[in-house]
Amino acid sequence: MQFLAQIRLADAEVGSAGLLSVFMCQNEPGFCDEWDAAAGGNKAFIFGSDATPVASLPDEGVTMLDETSAIRFLQVEGDDYLEARDRWSGETGRSVPCPAR
């Protein structure tokens, strides 16, 4: 499984501690049924705050990814995904990846 993301739980909910680490199968496309939440092609683990530090990029050497980026958790209210996405876009001034409705 390939490591995809790591989120500090304190960033998502004040007072929380620990890390949420997300992984996805890296085998041939479609082989792991990664689109199916119950098929095992994706995994998310919660680690306690004493288990491991937040991963950082090495100063030297080669990483397996061509690029990396940081994300910021932002809670947005909405009646459904599309409404929450549109509110997020308005609050952040960033465009959404696909056209609305």
PDB file of N, CA and C in Angstrom:
ATOM      1  N   MET A   1       0.842  -1.178   0.000  1.00  0.00           N
ATOM      2  CA  MET A   1       0.000   0.000   0.000  1.00  0.00           C
ATOM      3  C   MET A   1       0.885   1.238   0.000  1.00  0.00           C
ATOM      4  N   GLN A   2       0.495   2.214  -0.795  1.00  0.00           N
ATOM      5  CA  GLN A   2       1.244   3.454  -0.881  1.00  0.00           C
ATOM      6  C   GLN A   2       0.671   4.467   0.099  1.00  0.00           C
ATOM      7  N   PHE A   3       1.563   5.119   0.820  1.00  0.00           N
ATOM      8  CA  PHE A   3       1.174   6.181   1.735  1.00  0.00           C
ATOM      9  C   PHE A   3       0.674   7.379   0.931  1.00  0.00           C
ATOM     10  N   LEU A   4      -0.511   7.905   1.305  1.00  0.00           N
ATOM     11  CA  LEU A   4      -1.080   9.048   0.593  1.00  0.00           C
ATOM     12  C   LEU A   4      -1.079  10.330   1.406  1.00  0.00           C
ATOM     13  N   ALA A   5      -1.477  10.227   2.670  1.00  0.00           N
ATOM     14  CA  ALA A   5      -1.653  11.447   3.450  1.00  0.00           C
ATOM     15  C   ALA A   5      -1.558  11.159   4.939  1.00  0.00           C
ATOM     16  N   GLN A   6      -1.245  12.198   5.662  1.00  0.00           N
ATOM     17  CA  GLN A   6      -1.183  12.124   7.116  1.00  0.00           C
ATOM     18  C   GLN A   6      -1.791  13.418   7.653  1.00  0.00           C
ATOM     19  N   ILE A   7      -2.730  13.290   8.559  1.00  0.00           N
ATOM     20  CA  ILE A   7      -3.435  14.446   9.102  1.00  0.00           C
ATOM     21  C   ILE A   7      -3.316  14.436  10.614  1.00  0.00           C
ATOM     22  N   ARG A   8      -2.888  15.566  11.184  1.00  0.00           N
ATOM     23  CA  ARG A   8      -2.889  15.693  12.644  1.00  0.00           C
ATOM     24  C   ARG A   8      -4.330  15.851  13.077  1.00  0.00           C
ATOM     25  N   LEU A   9      -4.793  15.005  13.981  1.00  0.00           N
ATOM     26  CA  LEU A   9      -6.188  15.060  14.413  1.00  0.00           C
ATOM     27  C   LEU A   9      -6.507  16.382  15.092  1.00  0.00           C
ATOM     28  N   ALA A  10      -5.518  17.009  15.718  1.00  0.00           N
ATOM     29  CA  ALA A  10      -5.741  18.313  16.357  1.00  0.00           C
ATOM     30  C   ALA A  10      -6.099  19.376  15.325  1.00  0.00           C
ATOM     31  N   ASP A  11      -5.666  19.214  14.068  1.00  0.00           N
ATOM     32  CA  ASP A  11      -6.029  20.159  13.012  1.00  0.00           C
ATOM     33  C   ASP A  11      -7.496  20.012  12.623  1.00  0.00           C
ATOM     34  N   ALA A  12      -8.045  18.818  12.794  1.00  0.00           N
ATOM     35  CA  ALA A  12      -9.432  18.552  12.420  1.00  0.00           C
ATOM     36  C   ALA A  12     -10.399  18.830  13.561  1.00  0.00           C
ATOM     37  N   GLU A  13      -9.946  18.598  14.799  1.00  0.00           N
ATOM     38  CA  GLU A  13     -10.812  18.813  15.957  1.00  0.00           C
ATOM     39  C   GLU A  13      -9.965  19.246  17.141  1.00  0.00           C
ATOM     40  N   VAL A  14     -10.233  20.453  17.624  1.00  0.00           N
ATOM     41  CA  VAL A  14      -9.475  21.000  18.745  1.00  0.00           C
ATOM     42  C   VAL A  14      -9.566  20.057  19.941  1.00  0.00           C
ATOM     43  N   GLY A  15      -8.435  19.794  20.567  1.00  0.00           N
ATOM     44  CA  GLY A  15      -8.391  18.916  21.727  1.00  0.00           C
ATOM     45  C   GLY A  15      -8.081  17.474  21.384  1.00  0.00           C
ATOM     46  N   SER A  16      -8.135  17.122  20.102  1.00  0.00           N
ATOM     47  CA  SER A  16      -7.790  15.759  19.689  1.00  0.00           C
ATOM     48  C   SER A  16      -6.281  15.613  19.626  1.00  0.00           C
ATOM     49  N   ALA A  17      -5.814  14.378  19.669  1.00  0.00           N
ATOM     50  CA  ALA A  17      -4.379  14.111  19.560  1.00  0.00           C
ATOM     51  C   ALA A  17      -4.192  12.872  18.700  1.00  0.00           C
ATOM     52  N   GLY A  18      -3.074  12.800  18.028  1.00  0.00           N
ATOM     53  CA  GLY A  18      -2.752  11.637  17.220  1.00  0.00           C
ATOM     54  C   GLY A  18      -2.709  11.971  15.746  1.00  0.00           C
ATOM     55  N   LEU A  19      -2.559  10.923  14.950  1.00  0.00           N
ATOM     56  CA  LEU A  19      -2.430  11.073  13.503  1.00  0.00           C
ATOM     57  C   LEU A  19      -3.389  10.141  12.777  1.00  0.00           C
ATOM     58  N   LEU A  20      -3.941  10.605  11.687  1.00  0.00           N
ATOM     59  CA  LEU A  20      -4.708   9.772  10.768  1.00  0.00           C
ATOM     60  C   LEU A  20      -3.819   9.575   9.553  1.00  0.00           C
ATOM     61  N   SER A  21      -3.458   8.337   9.250  1.00  0.00           N
ATOM     62  CA  SER A  21      -2.609   8.031   8.097  1.00  0.00           C
ATOM     63  C   SER A  21      -3.431   7.255   7.078  1.00  0.00           C
ATOM     64  N   VAL A  22      -3.351   7.669   5.800  1.00  0.00           N
ATOM     65  CA  VAL A  22      -4.172   7.099   4.739  1.00  0.00           C
ATOM     66  C   VAL A  22      -3.277   6.427   3.701  1.00  0.00           C
ATOM     67  N   PHE A  23      -3.674   5.210   3.286  1.00  0.00           N
ATOM     68  CA  PHE A  23      -2.913   4.410   2.325  1.00  0.00           C
ATOM     69  C   PHE A  23      -3.854   3.904   1.237  1.00  0.00           C
ATOM     70  N   MET A  24      -3.304   3.637   0.024  1.00  0.00           N
ATOM     71  CA  MET A  24      -4.088   3.072  -1.064  1.00  0.00           C
ATOM     72  C   MET A  24      -3.239   2.063  -1.836  1.00  0.00           C
ATOM     73  N   CYS A  25      -3.870   1.013  -2.308  1.00  0.00           N
ATOM     74  CA  CYS A  25      -3.190  -0.022  -3.078  1.00  0.00           C
ATOM     75  C   CYS A  25      -2.512   0.588  -4.296  1.00  0.00           C
ATOM     76  N   GLN A  26      -1.298   0.145  -4.574  1.00  0.00           N
ATOM     77  CA  GLN A  26      -0.530   0.690  -5.687  1.00  0.00           C
ATOM     78  C   GLN A  26      -0.389  -0.319  -6.825  1.00  0.00           C
ATOM     79  N   ASN A  27      -1.074  -1.454  -6.758  1.00  0.00           N
ATOM     80  CA  ASN A  27      -0.981  -2.467  -7.812  1.00  0.00           C
ATOM     81  C   ASN A  27      -1.645  -1.991  -9.096  1.00  0.00           C
ATOM     82  N   GLU A  28      -1.702  -2.870 -10.064  1.00  0.00           N
ATOM     83  CA  GLU A  28      -2.309  -2.534 -11.357  1.00  0.00           C
ATOM     84  C   GLU A  28      -3.670  -1.879 -11.155  1.00  0.00           C
ATOM     85  N   PRO A  29      -3.961  -0.812 -11.908  1.00  0.00           N
ATOM     86  CA  PRO A  29      -5.249  -0.127 -11.744  1.00  0.00           C
ATOM     87  C   PRO A  29      -6.424  -1.103 -11.832  1.00  0.00           C
ATOM     88  N   GLY A  30      -7.324  -0.996 -10.875  1.00  0.00           N
ATOM     89  CA  GLY A  30      -8.502  -1.850 -10.851  1.00  0.00           C
ATOM     90  C   GLY A  30      -8.305  -3.178 -10.152  1.00  0.00           C
ATOM     91  N   PHE A  31      -7.076  -3.587  -9.924  1.00  0.00           N
ATOM     92  CA  PHE A  31      -6.804  -4.886  -9.322  1.00  0.00           C
ATOM     93  C   PHE A  31      -7.226  -4.943  -7.859  1.00  0.00           C
ATOM     94  N   CYS A  32      -7.117  -3.844  -7.132  1.00  0.00           N
ATOM     95  CA  CYS A  32      -7.401  -3.816  -5.692  1.00  0.00           C
ATOM     96  C   CYS A  32      -8.806  -3.344  -5.350  1.00  0.00           C
ATOM     97  N   ASP A  33      -9.621  -3.008  -6.316  1.00  0.00           N
ATOM     98  CA  ASP A  33     -10.956  -2.459  -6.055  1.00  0.00           C
ATOM     99  C   ASP A  33     -10.884  -1.258  -5.116  1.00  0.00           C
ATOM    100  N   GLU A  34      -9.937  -0.346  -5.382  1.00  0.00           N
ATOM    101  CA  GLU A  34      -9.745   0.785  -4.479  1.00  0.00           C
ATOM    102  C   GLU A  34     -10.948   1.720  -4.417  1.00  0.00           C
ATOM    103  N   TRP A  35     -11.879   1.618  -5.356  1.00  0.00           N
ATOM    104  CA  TRP A  35     -13.099   2.415  -5.326  1.00  0.00           C
ATOM    105  C   TRP A  35     -14.112   1.875  -4.316  1.00  0.00           C
ATOM    106  N   ASP A  36     -13.937   0.639  -3.861  1.00  0.00           N
ATOM    107  CA  ASP A  36     -14.867  -0.003  -2.920  1.00  0.00           C
ATOM    108  C   ASP A  36     -14.326   0.158  -1.504  1.00  0.00           C
ATOM    109  N   ALA A  37     -15.060   0.882  -0.659  1.00  0.00           N
ATOM    110  CA  ALA A  37     -14.598   1.183   0.696  1.00  0.00           C
ATOM    111  C   ALA A  37     -14.374  -0.059   1.548  1.00  0.00           C
ATOM    112  N   ALA A  38     -15.031  -1.172   1.225  1.00  0.00           N
ATOM    113  CA  ALA A  38     -14.927  -2.373   2.052  1.00  0.00           C
ATOM    114  C   ALA A  38     -14.056  -3.476   1.436  1.00  0.00           C
ATOM    115  N   ALA A  39     -13.437  -3.233   0.275  1.00  0.00           N
ATOM    116  CA  ALA A  39     -12.694  -4.287  -0.422  1.00  0.00           C
ATOM    117  C   ALA A  39     -11.243  -4.433   0.037  1.00  0.00           C
ATOM    118  N   GLY A  40     -10.724  -3.470   0.803  1.00  0.00           N
ATOM    119  CA  GLY A  40      -9.359  -3.577   1.293  1.00  0.00           C
ATOM    120  C   GLY A  40      -8.317  -2.859   0.457  1.00  0.00           C
ATOM    121  N   GLY A  41      -8.717  -2.164  -0.593  1.00  0.00           N
ATOM    122  CA  GLY A  41      -7.768  -1.434  -1.425  1.00  0.00           C
ATOM    123  C   GLY A  41      -7.361  -0.091  -0.842  1.00  0.00           C
ATOM    124  N   ASN A  42      -8.033   0.322   0.216  1.00  0.00           N
ATOM    125  CA  ASN A  42      -7.734   1.569   0.930  1.00  0.00           C
ATOM    126  C   ASN A  42      -7.681   1.248   2.416  1.00  0.00           C
ATOM    127  N   LYS A  43      -6.831   1.945   3.137  1.00  0.00           N
ATOM    128  CA  LYS A  43      -6.767   1.769   4.589  1.00  0.00           C
ATOM    129  C   LYS A  43      -6.500   3.120   5.227  1.00  0.00           C
ATOM    130  N   ALA A  44      -7.098   3.328   6.372  1.00  0.00           N
ATOM    131  CA  ALA A  44      -6.821   4.508   7.184  1.00  0.00           C
ATOM    132  C   ALA A  44      -6.560   4.017   8.602  1.00  0.00           C
ATOM    133  N   PHE A  45      -5.506   4.513   9.196  1.00  0.00           N
ATOM    134  CA  PHE A  45      -5.131   4.124  10.553  1.00  0.00           C
ATOM    135  C   PHE A  45      -5.040   5.362  11.421  1.00  0.00           C
ATOM    136  N   ILE A  46      -5.514   5.248  12.655  1.00  0.00           N
ATOM    137  CA  ILE A  46      -5.357   6.324  13.625  1.00  0.00           C
ATOM    138  C   ILE A  46      -4.302   5.877  14.625  1.00  0.00           C
ATOM    139  N   PHE A  47      -3.280   6.706  14.772  1.00  0.00           N
ATOM    140  CA  PHE A  47      -2.197   6.432  15.712  1.00  0.00           C
ATOM    141  C   PHE A  47      -2.274   7.425  16.856  1.00  0.00           C
ATOM    142  N   GLY A  48      -1.987   6.966  18.062  1.00  0.00           N
ATOM    143  CA  GLY A  48      -1.964   7.839  19.225  1.00  0.00           C
ATOM    144  C   GLY A  48      -0.864   8.874  19.098  1.00  0.00           C
ATOM    145  N   SER A  49      -0.967   9.934  19.879  1.00  0.00           N
ATOM    146  CA  SER A  49      -0.004  11.026  19.779  1.00  0.00           C
ATOM    147  C   SER A  49       1.412  10.597  20.141  1.00  0.00           C
ATOM    148  N   ASP A  50       1.549   9.507  20.875  1.00  0.00           N
ATOM    149  CA  ASP A  50       2.883   9.042  21.256  1.00  0.00           C
ATOM    150  C   ASP A  50       3.439   7.988  20.288  1.00  0.00           C
ATOM    151  N   ALA A  51       2.670   7.614  19.266  1.00  0.00           N
ATOM    152  CA  ALA A  51       3.083   6.515  18.391  1.00  0.00           C
ATOM    153  C   ALA A  51       4.122   6.925  17.360  1.00  0.00           C
ATOM    154  N   THR A  52       3.931   8.069  16.737  1.00  0.00           N
ATOM    155  CA  THR A  52       4.834   8.476  15.665  1.00  0.00           C
ATOM    156  C   THR A  52       4.719   9.972  15.421  1.00  0.00           C
ATOM    157  N   PRO A  53       5.801  10.615  15.017  1.00  0.00           N
ATOM    158  CA  PRO A  53       5.720  12.046  14.691  1.00  0.00           C
ATOM    159  C   PRO A  53       5.160  12.253  13.285  1.00  0.00           C
ATOM    160  N   VAL A  54       4.769  13.470  12.974  1.00  0.00           N
ATOM    161  CA  VAL A  54       4.316  13.801  11.622  1.00  0.00           C
ATOM    162  C   VAL A  54       5.495  13.645  10.672  1.00  0.00           C
ATOM    163  N   ALA A  55       5.274  12.976   9.553  1.00  0.00           N
ATOM    164  CA  ALA A  55       6.342  12.743   8.581  1.00  0.00           C
ATOM    165  C   ALA A  55       6.753  14.053   7.914  1.00  0.00           C
ATOM    166  N   SER A  56       8.027  14.174   7.639  1.00  0.00           N
ATOM    167  CA  SER A  56       8.523  15.338   6.907  1.00  0.00           C
ATOM    168  C   SER A  56       9.388  14.861   5.745  1.00  0.00           C
ATOM    169  N   LEU A  57       9.524  15.708   4.737  1.00  0.00           N
ATOM    170  CA  LEU A  57      10.333  15.347   3.579  1.00  0.00           C
ATOM    171  C   LEU A  57      11.812  15.374   3.941  1.00  0.00           C
ATOM    172  N   PRO A  58      12.589  14.436   3.405  1.00  0.00           N
ATOM    173  CA  PRO A  58      14.033  14.464   3.650  1.00  0.00           C
ATOM    174  C   PRO A  58      14.667  15.643   2.926  1.00  0.00           C
ATOM    175  N   ASP A  59      15.746  16.190   3.500  1.00  0.00           N
ATOM    176  CA  ASP A  59      16.458  17.300   2.864  1.00  0.00           C
ATOM    177  C   ASP A  59      17.224  16.840   1.633  1.00  0.00           C
ATOM    178  N   GLU A  60      17.637  15.571   1.623  1.00  0.00           N
ATOM    179  CA  GLU A  60      18.417  15.032   0.515  1.00  0.00           C
ATOM    180  C   GLU A  60      17.823  13.705   0.069  1.00  0.00           C
ATOM    181  N   GLY A  61      18.262  13.249  -1.098  1.00  0.00           N
ATOM    182  CA  GLY A  61      17.834  11.936  -1.570  1.00  0.00           C
ATOM    183  C   GLY A  61      16.638  12.026  -2.497  1.00  0.00           C
ATOM    184  N   VAL A  62      16.073  10.860  -2.779  1.00  0.00           N
ATOM    185  CA  VAL A  62      14.989  10.746  -3.744  1.00  0.00           C
ATOM    186  C   VAL A  62      13.739  10.272  -3.030  1.00  0.00           C
ATOM    187  N   THR A  63      12.619  10.905  -3.314  1.00  0.00           N
ATOM    188  CA  THR A  63      11.339  10.418  -2.804  1.00  0.00           C
ATOM    189  C   THR A  63      10.625   9.714  -3.949  1.00  0.00           C
ATOM    190  N   MET A  64       9.661   8.891  -3.640  1.00  0.00           N
ATOM    191  CA  MET A  64       8.954   8.131  -4.663  1.00  0.00           C
ATOM    192  C   MET A  64       7.894   8.974  -5.376  1.00  0.00           C
ATOM    193  N   LEU A  65       7.542  10.112  -4.834  1.00  0.00           N
ATOM    194  CA  LEU A  65       6.533  10.962  -5.453  1.00  0.00           C
ATOM    195  C   LEU A  65       7.201  12.108  -6.183  1.00  0.00           C
ATOM    196  N   ASP A  66       6.633  12.498  -7.328  1.00  0.00           N
ATOM    197  CA  ASP A  66       7.186  13.612  -8.084  1.00  0.00           C
ATOM    198  C   ASP A  66       6.994  14.937  -7.360  1.00  0.00           C
ATOM    199  N   GLU A  67       5.932  15.034  -6.592  1.00  0.00           N
ATOM    200  CA  GLU A  67       5.700  16.264  -5.835  1.00  0.00           C
ATOM    201  C   GLU A  67       4.926  15.921  -4.577  1.00  0.00           C
ATOM    202  N   THR A  68       4.996  16.799  -3.632  1.00  0.00           N
ATOM    203  CA  THR A  68       4.241  16.649  -2.395  1.00  0.00           C
ATOM    204  C   THR A  68       3.559  17.973  -2.112  1.00  0.00           C
ATOM    205  N   SER A  69       2.548  17.935  -1.288  1.00  0.00           N
ATOM    206  CA  SER A  69       1.879  19.172  -0.910  1.00  0.00           C
ATOM    207  C   SER A  69       1.308  19.011   0.484  1.00  0.00           C
ATOM    208  N   ALA A  70       1.050  20.122   1.094  1.00  0.00           N
ATOM    209  CA  ALA A  70       0.438  20.121   2.422  1.00  0.00           C
ATOM    210  C   ALA A  70      -1.025  20.506   2.260  1.00  0.00           C
ATOM    211  N   ILE A  71      -1.835  20.008   3.156  1.00  0.00           N
ATOM    212  CA  ILE A  71      -3.240  20.364   3.139  1.00  0.00           C
ATOM    213  C   ILE A  71      -3.615  20.970   4.473  1.00  0.00           C
ATOM    214  N   ARG A  72      -4.692  21.704   4.474  1.00  0.00           N
ATOM    215  CA  ARG A  72      -5.204  22.311   5.696  1.00  0.00           C
ATOM    216  C   ARG A  72      -6.655  21.882   5.831  1.00  0.00           C
ATOM    217  N   PHE A  73      -7.025  21.433   7.010  1.00  0.00           N
ATOM    218  CA  PHE A  73      -8.391  21.010   7.263  1.00  0.00           C
ATOM    219  C   PHE A  73      -9.258  22.240   7.474  1.00  0.00           C
ATOM    220  N   LEU A  74     -10.378  22.303   6.781  1.00  0.00           N
ATOM    221  CA  LEU A  74     -11.315  23.404   6.915  1.00  0.00           C
ATOM    222  C   LEU A  74     -12.714  22.824   6.928  1.00  0.00           C
ATOM    223  N   GLN A  75     -13.419  22.995   8.017  1.00  0.00           N
ATOM    224  CA  GLN A  75     -14.777  22.466   8.109  1.00  0.00           C
ATOM    225  C   GLN A  75     -15.743  23.466   7.496  1.00  0.00           C
ATOM    226  N   VAL A  76     -16.580  22.981   6.575  1.00  0.00           N
ATOM    227  CA  VAL A  76     -17.553  23.817   5.880  1.00  0.00           C
ATOM    228  C   VAL A  76     -18.909  23.137   6.009  1.00  0.00           C
ATOM    229  N   GLU A  77     -19.901  23.897   6.395  1.00  0.00           N
ATOM    230  CA  GLU A  77     -21.253  23.352   6.546  1.00  0.00           C
ATOM    231  C   GLU A  77     -21.988  23.379   5.208  1.00  0.00           C
ATOM    232  N   GLY A  78     -22.867  22.410   5.016  1.00  0.00           N
ATOM    233  CA  GLY A  78     -23.698  22.350   3.821  1.00  0.00           C
ATOM    234  C   GLY A  78     -24.655  21.191   3.925  1.00  0.00           C
ATOM    235  N   ASP A  79     -25.758  21.283   3.205  1.00  0.00           N
ATOM    236  CA  ASP A  79     -26.748  20.211   3.230  1.00  0.00           C
ATOM    237  C   ASP A  79     -26.268  18.978   2.478  1.00  0.00           C
ATOM    238  N   ASP A  80     -25.358  19.157   1.519  1.00  0.00           N
ATOM    239  CA  ASP A  80     -24.818  18.034   0.767  1.00  0.00           C
ATOM    240  C   ASP A  80     -23.410  18.399   0.287  1.00  0.00           C
ATOM    241  N   TYR A  81     -22.770  17.469  -0.384  1.00  0.00           N
ATOM    242  CA  TYR A  81     -21.396  17.669  -0.847  1.00  0.00           C
ATOM    243  C   TYR A  81     -21.267  18.886  -1.760  1.00  0.00           C
ATOM    244  N   LEU A  82     -22.176  19.003  -2.737  1.00  0.00           N
ATOM    245  CA  LEU A  82     -22.066  20.092  -3.711  1.00  0.00           C
ATOM    246  C   LEU A  82     -22.207  21.456  -3.041  1.00  0.00           C
ATOM    247  N   GLU A  83     -23.130  21.581  -2.093  1.00  0.00           N
ATOM    248  CA  GLU A  83     -23.290  22.847  -1.386  1.00  0.00           C
ATOM    249  C   GLU A  83     -22.057  23.162  -0.544  1.00  0.00           C
ATOM    250  N   ALA A  84     -21.537  22.164   0.160  1.00  0.00           N
ATOM    251  CA  ALA A  84     -20.330  22.372   0.971  1.00  0.00           C
ATOM    252  C   ALA A  84     -19.149  22.742   0.080  1.00  0.00           C
ATOM    253  N   ARG A  85     -19.032  22.102  -1.077  1.00  0.00           N
ATOM    254  CA  ARG A  85     -17.947  22.404  -2.012  1.00  0.00           C
ATOM    255  C   ARG A  85     -18.045  23.840  -2.498  1.00  0.00           C
ATOM    256  N   ASP A  86     -19.252  24.286  -2.835  1.00  0.00           N
ATOM    257  CA  ASP A  86     -19.436  25.655  -3.312  1.00  0.00           C
ATOM    258  C   ASP A  86     -19.129  26.666  -2.207  1.00  0.00           C
ATOM    259  N   ARG A  87     -19.522  26.365  -0.984  1.00  0.00           N
ATOM    260  CA  ARG A  87     -19.199  27.268   0.137  1.00  0.00           C
ATOM    261  C   ARG A  87     -17.700  27.317   0.377  1.00  0.00           C
ATOM    262  N   TRP A  88     -17.044  26.157   0.295  1.00  0.00           N
ATOM    263  CA  TRP A  88     -15.582  26.108   0.451  1.00  0.00           C
ATOM    264  C   TRP A  88     -14.925  26.994  -0.595  1.00  0.00           C
ATOM    265  N   SER A  89     -15.388  26.901  -1.829  1.00  0.00           N
ATOM    266  CA  SER A  89     -14.819  27.694  -2.910  1.00  0.00           C
ATOM    267  C   SER A  89     -14.991  29.185  -2.629  1.00  0.00           C
ATOM    268  N   GLY A  90     -16.161  29.562  -2.140  1.00  0.00           N
ATOM    269  CA  GLY A  90     -16.419  30.964  -1.827  1.00  0.00           C
ATOM    270  C   GLY A  90     -15.578  31.473  -0.672  1.00  0.00           C
ATOM    271  N   GLU A  91     -15.397  30.649   0.360  1.00  0.00           N
ATOM    272  CA  GLU A  91     -14.628  31.051   1.538  1.00  0.00           C
ATOM    273  C   GLU A  91     -13.135  31.127   1.265  1.00  0.00           C
ATOM    274  N   THR A  92     -12.635  30.254   0.412  1.00  0.00           N
ATOM    275  CA  THR A  92     -11.191  30.202   0.167  1.00  0.00           C
ATOM    276  C   THR A  92     -10.767  30.964  -1.079  1.00  0.00           C
ATOM    277  N   GLY A  93     -11.727  31.267  -1.970  1.00  0.00           N
ATOM    278  CA  GLY A  93     -11.389  31.924  -3.226  1.00  0.00           C
ATOM    279  C   GLY A  93     -10.733  30.978  -4.225  1.00  0.00           C
ATOM    280  N   ARG A  94     -10.801  29.664  -3.960  1.00  0.00           N
ATOM    281  CA  ARG A  94     -10.201  28.679  -4.855  1.00  0.00           C
ATOM    282  C   ARG A  94     -11.284  28.036  -5.704  1.00  0.00           C
ATOM    283  N   SER A  95     -10.930  27.676  -6.918  1.00  0.00           N
ATOM    284  CA  SER A  95     -11.912  27.052  -7.808  1.00  0.00           C
ATOM    285  C   SER A  95     -12.092  25.588  -7.439  1.00  0.00           C
ATOM    286  N   VAL A  96     -13.231  25.056  -7.788  1.00  0.00           N
ATOM    287  CA  VAL A  96     -13.515  23.637  -7.553  1.00  0.00           C
ATOM    288  C   VAL A  96     -12.961  22.841  -8.735  1.00  0.00           C
ATOM    289  N   PRO A  97     -12.555  21.568  -8.508  1.00  0.00           N
ATOM    290  CA  PRO A  97     -11.932  20.793  -9.575  1.00  0.00           C
ATOM    291  C   PRO A  97     -12.843  20.445 -10.743  1.00  0.00           C
ATOM    292  N   CYS A  98     -14.153  20.419 -10.541  1.00  0.00           N
ATOM    293  CA  CYS A  98     -15.062  20.108 -11.631  1.00  0.00           C
ATOM    294  C   CYS A  98     -16.252  21.061 -11.559  1.00  0.00           C
ATOM    295  N   PRO A  99     -16.959  21.271 -12.668  1.00  0.00           N
ATOM    296  CA  PRO A  99     -18.053  22.241 -12.674  1.00  0.00           C
ATOM    297  C   PRO A  99     -19.150  21.872 -11.685  1.00  0.00           C
ATOM    298  N   ALA A 100     -19.755  22.861 -11.097  1.00  0.00           N
ATOM    299  CA  ALA A 100     -20.862  22.645 -10.151  1.00  0.00           C
ATOM    300  C   ALA A 100     -22.105  22.221 -10.925  1.00  0.00           C
ATOM    301  N   ARG A 101     -22.726  21.217 -10.420  1.00  0.00           N
ATOM    302  CA  ARG A 101     -23.991  20.682 -10.937  1.00  0.00           C
ATOM    303  C   ARG A 101     -24.059  20.797 -12.391  1.00  0.00           C
TER     304      ARG A 101
END
